[in-house]
């Protein structure tokens, strides 16, 4: 397998296996939005956290990179954050559009697009925030770097980004093909803390980097999964 090639067919196969058809937002994205962007303080009440003017809030837009069927698009919309989404899998986007239309939200369906992270179909500085869960660590590192550069391109100066990364304490920074499971045939990339810092580079400032380890106490070898969750601010003068 060519590690430098994004395999749309493999991700379509992954969605056909139904293992990553997800409907509820990831808890770390929920936390990121409430801490850095807009906090929910009641059933229909919100408190703005991101320091923007009234006119900037009126024009606010968010992007979910690797949106799947749109679970975070629905969540961002609930917070009034005018979401857009892209995904490499046309199967995921097709199903996501059906979901949004079933919710009587054809407007959200229209904002979901099939696209690659390496060529986002948006103008420079279009979005105040970007979120991307389990995306840039599911491809070759050099491809992910191109995707990150594109995310920074479409993010406004001082805009915020949520990213997460697989980690492996024993092996460090590396990438490998996925040999089994719903995402069989794709690529998984593992990072260290230093690797994450180098990956982000000088285009952004890491505001927060939290590592969460989950251990399976019932597994004979105490198997664990480890992910790093990053809040990143694009360097610049003003949003």
Protein backbone atom coordinates (compact mmCIF):
# COMPACT_ATOMS: atom_id res chain seq x y z
CA UNK A 1 0.00 0.00 0.00
CA UNK A 2 1.24 3.50 -0.85
CA UNK A 3 1.37 5.36 2.48
CA UNK A 4 1.15 8.68 0.61
CA UNK A 5 -2.22 7.91 -0.98
CA UNK A 6 -5.57 8.74 0.57
CA UNK A 7 -7.82 5.76 -0.09
CA UNK A 8 -11.37 6.95 -0.60
CA UNK A 9 -12.42 3.41 -1.44
CA UNK A 10 -11.09 2.12 1.88
CA UNK A 11 -13.01 4.74 3.86
CA UNK A 12 -16.16 3.98 1.89
CA UNK A 13 -15.65 0.32 2.82
CA UNK A 14 -15.15 1.34 6.46
CA UNK A 15 -18.51 3.14 6.47
CA UNK A 16 -20.16 0.19 4.79
CA UNK A 17 -19.00 -1.95 7.74
CA UNK A 18 -20.98 0.48 9.95
CA UNK A 19 -18.31 0.60 12.68
CA UNK A 20 -17.91 4.36 12.46
CA UNK A 21 -21.51 5.43 11.91
CA UNK A 22 -21.64 7.74 14.93
CA UNK A 23 -24.51 9.98 16.02
CA UNK A 24 -23.37 11.64 19.26
CA UNK A 25 -20.58 14.21 19.68
CA UNK A 26 -17.25 13.25 21.18
CA UNK A 27 -17.03 14.45 24.78
CA UNK A 28 -13.71 16.25 24.22
CA UNK A 29 -15.21 18.32 21.41
CA UNK A 30 -18.13 19.15 23.70
CA UNK A 31 -15.61 20.26 26.33
CA UNK A 32 -13.55 22.24 23.80
CA UNK A 33 -16.57 24.20 22.57
CA UNK A 34 -17.83 24.97 26.08
CA UNK A 35 -14.39 25.99 27.36
CA UNK A 36 -13.06 28.00 24.43
CA UNK A 37 -15.95 29.03 22.18
CA UNK A 38 -19.46 29.16 23.61
CA UNK A 39 -20.66 27.71 26.91
CA UNK A 40 -24.12 26.30 27.40
CA UNK A 41 -25.62 27.70 30.60
CA UNK A 42 -29.25 26.64 30.26
CA UNK A 43 -31.74 24.76 28.12
CA UNK A 44 -31.57 27.40 25.42
CA UNK A 45 -29.09 29.86 26.92
CA UNK A 46 -25.43 30.27 25.95
CA UNK A 47 -22.55 32.45 27.10
CA UNK A 48 -19.99 33.52 24.50
CA UNK A 49 -16.43 32.67 25.53
CA UNK A 50 -14.46 33.46 22.39
CA UNK A 51 -13.64 37.20 22.44
CA UNK A 52 -15.42 38.36 19.30
CA UNK A 53 -17.45 41.44 18.47
CA UNK A 54 -21.19 41.27 17.84
CA UNK A 55 -20.60 41.56 14.09
CA UNK A 56 -18.02 38.76 14.20
CA UNK A 57 -20.44 36.49 16.05
CA UNK A 58 -23.08 37.30 13.43
CA UNK A 59 -20.70 36.08 10.69
CA UNK A 60 -19.34 33.14 12.71
CA UNK A 61 -18.62 29.92 10.85
CA UNK A 62 -17.17 26.59 11.93
CA UNK A 63 -15.72 23.63 10.03
CA UNK A 64 -15.65 19.94 10.85
CA UNK A 65 -12.78 18.31 8.95
CA UNK A 66 -13.59 14.63 8.51
CA UNK A 67 -17.21 15.07 9.51
CA UNK A 68 -18.40 11.52 8.76
CA UNK A 69 -22.20 11.49 8.76
CA UNK A 70 -22.31 14.84 10.59
CA UNK A 71 -22.56 14.20 14.32
CA UNK A 72 -20.46 17.28 15.14
CA UNK A 73 -22.21 19.36 12.50
CA UNK A 74 -25.44 18.75 14.38
CA UNK A 75 -23.75 19.57 17.70
CA UNK A 76 -22.13 22.78 16.40
CA UNK A 77 -25.46 23.84 14.93
CA UNK A 78 -27.12 23.30 18.32
CA UNK A 79 -24.67 25.88 19.69
CA UNK A 80 -25.45 28.31 16.86
CA UNK A 81 -21.98 28.02 15.31
CA UNK A 82 -22.95 27.86 11.60
CA UNK A 83 -21.18 24.57 10.78
CA UNK A 84 -19.80 23.20 7.53
CA UNK A 85 -18.29 19.76 7.03
CA UNK A 86 -16.09 17.82 4.64
CA UNK A 87 -15.26 14.14 4.42
CA UNK A 88 -13.30 12.02 1.97
CA UNK A 89 -15.98 9.32 1.96
CA UNK A 90 -18.80 10.08 -0.44
CA UNK A 91 -20.74 7.28 1.25
CA UNK A 92 -20.51 9.05 4.62
CA UNK A 93 -21.54 12.39 3.14
CA UNK A 94 -24.47 10.79 1.32
CA UNK A 95 -25.70 9.14 4.52
CA UNK A 96 -25.11 12.34 6.50
CA UNK A 97 -27.19 14.33 4.05
CA UNK A 98 -30.00 11.80 4.41
CA UNK A 99 -29.77 12.12 8.19
CA UNK A 100 -29.93 15.92 8.12
CA UNK A 101 -32.88 15.88 5.75
CA UNK A 102 -34.66 13.39 8.01
CA UNK A 103 -34.24 16.01 10.76
CA UNK A 104 -35.85 18.58 8.43
CA UNK A 105 -32.52 20.38 8.08
CA UNK A 106 -31.76 20.45 4.36
CA UNK A 107 -29.67 23.56 5.04
CA UNK A 108 -27.19 21.45 7.03
CA UNK A 109 -27.20 18.76 4.35
CA UNK A 110 -26.24 21.40 1.80
CA UNK A 111 -23.18 22.34 3.89
CA UNK A 112 -21.71 18.81 3.82
CA UNK A 113 -19.19 18.27 1.02
CA UNK A 114 -17.03 15.43 -0.28
CA UNK A 115 -13.47 16.73 -0.20
CA UNK A 116 -9.92 15.87 0.84
CA UNK A 117 -8.17 17.45 3.80
CA UNK A 118 -5.32 18.28 1.44
CA UNK A 119 -7.54 20.51 -0.71
CA UNK A 120 -10.30 22.15 1.30
CA UNK A 121 -12.91 23.83 -0.95
CA UNK A 122 -13.00 27.10 0.99
CA UNK A 123 -11.44 30.55 0.76
CA UNK A 124 -8.60 31.65 3.02
CA UNK A 125 -9.65 32.61 6.57
CA UNK A 126 -13.25 31.44 6.17
CA UNK A 127 -13.74 29.93 9.64
CA UNK A 128 -13.45 31.02 13.25
CA UNK A 129 -12.99 27.45 14.50
CA UNK A 130 -12.17 24.03 13.07
CA UNK A 131 -12.69 20.69 14.76
CA UNK A 132 -11.22 17.41 13.54
CA UNK A 133 -11.66 14.21 15.53
CA UNK A 134 -9.75 11.02 14.62
CA UNK A 135 -8.81 12.31 11.18
CA UNK A 136 -5.23 13.57 10.87
CA UNK A 137 -3.94 10.52 12.75
CA UNK A 138 -5.75 8.22 10.31
CA UNK A 139 -3.52 8.89 7.31
CA UNK A 140 0.19 9.06 6.48
CA UNK A 141 2.00 11.78 8.46
CA UNK A 142 3.08 13.76 5.42
CA UNK A 143 -0.46 13.75 4.06
CA UNK A 144 -1.73 14.85 7.48
CA UNK A 145 0.75 17.73 7.48
CA UNK A 146 -0.68 18.95 4.17
CA UNK A 147 -4.13 18.68 5.72
CA UNK A 148 -3.06 20.69 8.76
CA UNK A 149 -1.62 23.40 6.51
CA UNK A 150 -4.97 23.55 4.71
CA UNK A 151 -6.81 23.79 8.04
CA UNK A 152 -4.62 26.72 9.06
CA UNK A 153 -5.22 28.33 5.67
CA UNK A 154 -9.01 28.37 6.03
CA UNK A 155 -8.91 29.34 9.72
CA UNK A 156 -9.04 33.01 10.63
CA UNK A 157 -6.11 34.61 12.45
CA UNK A 158 -6.38 33.78 16.16
CA UNK A 159 -9.00 31.19 15.23
CA UNK A 160 -9.20 28.00 17.27
CA UNK A 161 -8.75 24.39 16.28
CA UNK A 162 -9.45 21.09 18.05
CA UNK A 163 -7.30 18.10 17.05
CA UNK A 164 -6.63 14.70 18.55
CA UNK A 165 -3.91 12.12 18.04
CA UNK A 166 -3.23 8.46 18.71
CA UNK A 167 -0.29 7.90 21.05
CA UNK A 168 1.86 4.87 21.90
CA UNK A 169 4.17 5.15 24.91
CA UNK A 170 6.23 2.16 23.81
CA UNK A 171 6.84 2.82 20.11
CA UNK A 172 6.86 6.62 19.86
CA UNK A 173 6.21 8.35 16.52
CA UNK A 174 5.30 5.94 13.74
CA UNK A 175 2.59 4.96 11.27
CA UNK A 176 1.22 1.57 10.26
CA UNK A 177 -1.50 0.01 8.12
CA UNK A 178 -4.68 -1.08 9.89
CA UNK A 179 -5.00 -4.84 9.36
CA UNK A 180 -8.38 -5.52 10.95
CA UNK A 181 -11.52 -3.84 12.24
CA UNK A 182 -13.99 -1.48 10.58
CA UNK A 183 -11.12 0.72 9.29
CA UNK A 184 -9.09 -2.15 7.82
CA UNK A 185 -6.91 -1.01 4.93
CA UNK A 186 -6.44 2.55 6.16
CA UNK A 187 -3.41 4.09 7.89
CA UNK A 188 -3.01 4.87 11.58
CA UNK A 189 -0.37 7.37 12.73
CA UNK A 190 0.93 7.55 16.31
CA UNK A 191 2.45 10.63 17.94
CA UNK A 192 4.54 11.61 20.95
CA UNK A 193 4.14 14.95 22.73
CA UNK A 194 7.23 16.24 20.95
CA UNK A 195 5.90 14.85 17.69
CA UNK A 196 2.65 16.77 18.17
CA UNK A 197 4.55 20.00 18.86
CA UNK A 198 6.64 19.54 15.73
CA UNK A 199 3.54 18.64 13.72
CA UNK A 200 1.73 21.84 14.76
CA UNK A 201 4.86 23.90 14.10
CA UNK A 202 4.97 27.68 14.20
CA UNK A 203 1.61 28.33 12.54
CA UNK A 204 -0.25 27.70 15.78
CA UNK A 205 0.11 27.91 19.55
CA UNK A 206 -0.99 24.92 21.61
CA UNK A 207 -3.33 26.28 24.29
CA UNK A 208 -3.98 22.89 25.86
CA UNK A 209 -2.69 19.35 25.34
CA UNK A 210 -4.46 16.71 27.39
CA UNK A 211 -3.56 13.03 27.27
CA UNK A 212 -6.27 10.52 28.15
CA UNK A 213 -5.43 6.86 28.68
CA UNK A 214 -8.16 4.24 28.88
CA UNK A 215 -7.22 0.83 30.27
CA UNK A 216 -9.22 -2.36 29.95
CA UNK A 217 -9.00 -3.91 33.40
CA UNK A 218 -10.58 -7.12 32.13
CA UNK A 219 -7.90 -7.69 29.51
CA UNK A 220 -5.20 -10.10 30.64
CA UNK A 221 -2.42 -7.73 29.58
CA UNK A 222 -4.11 -4.53 30.81
CA UNK A 223 -4.40 -3.27 27.25
CA UNK A 224 -4.92 0.46 26.90
CA UNK A 225 -5.66 3.11 24.32
CA UNK A 226 -4.10 6.55 24.54
CA UNK A 227 -5.07 9.78 22.79
CA UNK A 228 -3.88 13.36 23.01
CA UNK A 229 -6.47 16.14 22.71
CA UNK A 230 -5.18 19.53 21.60
CA UNK A 231 -6.65 23.03 21.52
CA UNK A 232 -4.63 25.15 19.09
CA UNK A 233 -4.82 28.85 18.31
CA UNK A 234 -3.72 30.05 14.90
CA UNK A 235 -1.01 32.64 15.25
CA UNK A 236 -1.94 36.12 14.04
CA UNK A 237 -3.01 39.60 15.04
CA UNK A 238 -6.78 39.43 15.09
CA UNK A 239 -9.73 37.27 14.10
